[in-house]
């Protein structure tokens, strides 16, 4: 898990995931979305987890998609222009699990 997503177990059955990009109002990047998917998959497999709270660090929960987080750096061959969006997937699923 990276520093852009913090995970805390606040109870035997409750976890808090905190989007940790307060300078950008926690705007979603490909890296943050991938970290969310990894952590949510891990928690989905945890039979003791019954609730997941998703929150944001700082003054905003999530400002939306940070398009700068979905571009490839300048190609050395020049074949892909700088700033060309290569992926626009930003869907992150949040769910809770129960033992019943």
Protein backbone atom coordinates (compact mmCIF):
# COMPACT_ATOMS: atom_id res chain seq x y z
CA UNK A 1 0.00 0.00 0.00
CA UNK A 2 1.33 3.45 -0.87
CA UNK A 3 1.13 6.72 1.03
CA UNK A 4 -1.65 7.96 -1.28
CA UNK A 5 -4.07 5.54 0.39
CA UNK A 6 -4.07 5.02 4.14
CA UNK A 7 -5.77 2.02 5.74
CA UNK A 8 -6.72 1.82 9.38
CA UNK A 9 -8.63 -0.83 11.29
CA UNK A 10 -10.74 1.11 13.81
CA UNK A 11 -12.67 -1.86 15.13
CA UNK A 12 -12.57 -5.63 14.80
CA UNK A 13 -14.93 -5.39 11.82
CA UNK A 14 -14.49 -1.83 10.50
CA UNK A 15 -11.75 -0.39 8.30
CA UNK A 16 -11.18 3.20 7.19
CA UNK A 17 -9.55 3.94 3.83
CA UNK A 18 -8.32 7.52 3.52
CA UNK A 19 -7.55 9.07 0.14
CA UNK A 20 -4.32 10.92 0.94
CA UNK A 21 -3.78 13.59 -1.69
CA UNK A 22 -5.05 16.63 0.25
CA UNK A 23 -3.06 19.14 -1.86
CA UNK A 24 -5.09 18.00 -4.91
CA UNK A 25 -8.34 17.61 -2.93
CA UNK A 26 -7.85 13.82 -3.24
CA UNK A 27 -8.53 13.89 -6.97
CA UNK A 28 -8.39 10.36 -8.39
CA UNK A 29 -5.34 9.24 -10.37
CA UNK A 30 -4.63 5.88 -11.94
CA UNK A 31 -2.23 5.15 -9.06
CA UNK A 32 -4.82 6.00 -6.40
CA UNK A 33 -7.54 4.01 -8.16
CA UNK A 34 -5.23 1.00 -8.44
CA UNK A 35 -4.33 1.29 -4.74
CA UNK A 36 -8.05 1.40 -3.87
CA UNK A 37 -8.72 -1.71 -5.93
CA UNK A 38 -5.87 -3.60 -4.27
CA UNK A 39 -6.96 -2.63 -0.77
CA UNK A 40 -10.67 -3.27 -1.43
CA UNK A 41 -9.87 -6.70 -2.89
CA UNK A 42 -7.78 -7.47 0.20
CA UNK A 43 -10.58 -6.38 2.52
CA UNK A 44 -13.20 -8.30 0.52
CA UNK A 45 -11.24 -11.47 1.26
CA UNK A 46 -11.06 -10.62 4.97
CA UNK A 47 -14.02 -12.49 6.52
CA UNK A 48 -13.84 -10.31 9.64
CA UNK A 49 -14.36 -7.06 7.69
CA UNK A 50 -18.00 -5.98 7.75
CA UNK A 51 -17.74 -2.29 6.87
CA UNK A 52 -15.37 -0.04 4.96
CA UNK A 53 -15.44 3.72 5.41
CA UNK A 54 -13.86 5.70 2.59
CA UNK A 55 -12.87 9.27 3.42
CA UNK A 56 -10.47 11.92 2.22
CA UNK A 57 -7.61 13.68 3.96
CA UNK A 58 -7.85 17.45 4.25
CA UNK A 59 -10.82 19.59 3.31
CA UNK A 60 -12.27 17.56 0.46
CA UNK A 61 -13.36 13.96 -0.01
CA UNK A 62 -12.54 13.65 -3.73
CA UNK A 63 -12.51 16.39 -6.36
CA UNK A 64 -13.05 13.90 -9.18
CA UNK A 65 -10.54 12.65 -11.72
CA UNK A 66 -7.09 14.24 -11.91
CA UNK A 67 -6.46 13.86 -15.64
CA UNK A 68 -2.76 14.52 -15.11
CA UNK A 69 -2.72 11.16 -13.32
CA UNK A 70 -3.84 9.36 -16.48
CA UNK A 71 -1.15 10.32 -18.96
CA UNK A 72 2.14 8.74 -20.02
CA UNK A 73 5.29 10.85 -19.65
CA UNK A 74 6.78 12.25 -22.85
CA UNK A 75 7.79 9.38 -25.12
CA UNK A 76 11.47 9.43 -26.00
CA UNK A 77 10.62 8.35 -29.56
CA UNK A 78 8.07 11.10 -30.00
CA UNK A 79 5.48 8.57 -31.12
CA UNK A 80 3.00 9.52 -28.39
CA UNK A 81 2.49 13.26 -27.91
CA UNK A 82 3.00 14.55 -24.39
CA UNK A 83 -0.30 14.70 -22.51
CA UNK A 84 -2.08 12.06 -24.57
CA UNK A 85 -4.58 10.30 -22.33
CA UNK A 86 -3.92 6.58 -22.40
CA UNK A 87 -6.47 5.46 -19.86
CA UNK A 88 -9.59 7.14 -18.52
CA UNK A 89 -10.82 4.36 -16.24
CA UNK A 90 -11.55 5.82 -12.83
CA UNK A 91 -14.25 3.51 -11.52
CA UNK A 92 -13.68 2.32 -8.01
CA UNK A 93 -16.18 0.03 -6.33
CA UNK A 94 -16.82 0.24 -2.60
CA UNK A 95 -18.66 -2.52 -0.82
CA UNK A 96 -19.05 -4.06 2.59
CA UNK A 97 -18.89 -7.71 3.46
CA UNK A 98 -20.87 -9.57 6.06
CA UNK A 99 -20.48 -12.93 7.69
CA UNK A 100 -24.09 -13.87 7.06
